[in-house]
Protein backbone atom coordinates (compact mmCIF):
# COMPACT_ATOMS: atom_id res chain seq x y z
CA MET A 1 144.77 108.57 92.71
CA ALA A 2 141.81 110.15 94.55
CA PHE A 3 142.53 113.14 96.73
CA LEU A 4 140.96 114.93 99.72
CA VAL A 5 140.82 118.66 100.17
CA LEU A 6 141.41 120.10 103.59
CA ARG A 7 138.85 122.68 104.78
CA ASP A 8 139.40 125.98 106.51
CA GLY A 9 138.62 124.35 109.88
CA ASP A 10 142.05 122.60 109.49
CA VAL A 11 143.97 125.77 110.07
CA ASN A 12 145.73 125.65 113.39
CA PRO A 13 145.04 129.06 114.94
CA ARG A 14 147.01 129.70 118.07
CA GLY A 15 145.65 127.68 120.97
CA ARG A 16 143.54 125.40 118.82
CA TRP A 17 144.12 121.57 118.86
CA VAL A 18 144.17 119.85 115.37
CA PRO A 19 144.78 116.18 115.69
CA PRO A 20 147.25 114.79 113.11
CA VAL A 21 145.85 112.48 110.46
CA ASP A 22 147.20 110.12 107.79
CA ILE A 23 145.29 109.51 104.58
CA TYR A 24 146.13 106.60 102.34
CA GLU A 25 144.67 104.30 99.74
CA THR A 26 144.68 100.43 100.20
CA GLU A 27 145.53 97.88 97.68
CA GLU A 28 141.77 97.35 97.25
CA ARG A 29 141.50 101.00 96.25
CA ASP A 30 139.65 102.19 99.38
CA LEU A 31 140.55 105.33 101.19
CA VAL A 32 141.59 105.32 104.80
CA ILE A 33 141.80 108.22 107.28
CA THR A 34 143.55 107.62 110.55
CA ALA A 35 143.49 110.32 113.33
CA GLU A 36 145.44 110.40 116.56
CA LEU A 37 143.00 110.96 119.32
CA PRO A 38 144.64 109.76 122.55
CA ASP A 39 142.84 109.64 125.91
CA MET A 40 139.42 110.06 124.31
CA THR A 41 136.40 107.88 124.52
CA ARG A 42 134.30 106.77 121.54
CA GLU A 43 131.45 108.83 122.98
CA GLY A 44 133.50 111.92 122.81
CA ILE A 45 134.27 111.60 119.07
CA GLU A 46 131.83 112.54 116.38
CA VAL A 47 132.17 111.35 112.82
CA VAL A 48 129.81 112.89 110.29
CA LEU A 49 129.54 112.26 106.56
CA GLU A 50 127.29 114.71 104.81
CA ASP A 51 127.16 116.12 101.35
CA GLY A 52 130.51 114.66 100.27
CA THR A 53 132.33 116.01 103.40
CA LEU A 54 133.67 113.96 106.22
CA THR A 55 133.92 115.82 109.57
CA LEU A 56 135.70 114.54 112.60
CA LYS A 57 135.15 116.54 115.81
CA GLY A 58 135.02 116.30 119.51
CA THR A 59 136.57 117.65 122.72
CA LYS A 60 139.57 116.28 124.63
CA ALA A 61 139.36 117.05 128.37
CA LEU A 62 142.14 117.36 130.89
CA PRO A 63 142.52 114.12 133.02
CA ASP A 64 139.86 113.64 135.64
CA GLY A 65 140.49 115.77 138.77
CA VAL A 66 143.02 118.08 137.04
CA LYS A 67 142.07 121.68 136.64
CA GLU A 68 143.78 124.07 134.19
CA GLU A 69 145.16 126.29 136.96
CA GLN A 70 146.79 123.22 138.44
CA VAL A 71 148.95 122.52 135.29
CA HIS A 72 152.52 123.57 135.71
CA ARG A 73 153.64 122.44 132.24
CA GLY A 74 151.20 121.36 129.43
CA GLU A 75 152.74 120.01 126.27
CA ARG A 76 149.73 117.87 125.31
CA HIS A 77 146.70 119.30 123.53
CA TYR A 78 143.28 119.53 125.06
CA GLY A 79 140.12 121.21 124.12
CA PRO A 80 137.73 121.00 121.05
CA PHE A 81 138.76 119.93 117.62
CA HIS A 82 137.26 119.90 114.20
CA ARG A 83 138.66 118.45 110.89
CA SER A 84 136.77 118.35 107.62
CA PHE A 85 137.76 116.63 104.38
CA SER A 86 136.08 116.92 100.94
CA LEU A 87 135.64 113.41 99.61
CA PRO A 88 135.98 112.35 96.03
CA GLN A 89 132.73 111.37 94.36
CA THR A 90 133.95 107.87 94.00
CA VAL A 91 133.50 107.14 97.67
CA ASP A 92 130.53 104.80 98.56
CA ALA A 93 128.87 106.72 101.47
CA ALA A 94 126.71 103.79 102.29
CA ARG A 95 129.67 101.63 103.16
CA VAL A 96 131.83 104.00 105.29
CA THR A 97 132.89 102.48 108.68
CA ALA A 98 134.82 103.98 111.65
CA GLU A 99 136.60 102.21 114.46
CA TYR A 100 138.34 103.73 117.54
CA ARG A 101 141.10 101.67 119.14
CA ASN A 102 144.08 102.39 121.23
CA GLY A 103 143.72 106.18 120.69
CA VAL A 104 143.44 105.92 116.93
CA LEU A 105 140.29 106.60 114.91
CA THR A 106 140.23 104.71 111.63
CA VAL A 107 137.64 105.72 109.00
CA LYS A 108 137.36 103.38 105.94
CA LEU A 109 136.01 104.95 102.91
CA PRO A 110 135.36 102.24 100.21
CA TYR A 111 135.10 103.33 96.61
CA ARG A 112 131.98 102.62 94.58
CA GLU A 113 132.28 99.38 92.71
CA ASP A 114 132.28 101.26 89.30
CA ALA A 115 135.22 103.44 90.54
CA ARG A 116 137.58 100.59 91.41
CA ALA A 117 138.50 99.79 87.84
C-alpha cells in the first residue's frame, strides 16, 4: 500500500487550526484525501500539487458580521490552515482532481497505469 508522509506544517501549535483529513485507497487503487472544511467557499481553498507534494491551504473566517471580540464562547476553529502531504511517486499528477461539496474537500490522486498492477 502507498503511504503519505505528513509535513511539519501539520503540527498543531496552540491556536492553529488543522482540519482533519481521511486518506484511503479505492478498489481501483487510487488515493483519496478528504478534508473537513465546513463553512468555506471554493474560492477560499487552495489545492497545490508541486514536486510530489500536495498542499491544502486557506483561511476560514468568522461568520459575516461577527467580530472576534463579540464571541462569548468559540469551540469551532477559524483562521488560516495549511496541510502538506508527500505523495508516492506512483501518483499520476496529470490526472489529479479536486471537488468541494457540503463542507468536504475530496482530492482524487489516481495512480499511474504502470503502478496499478
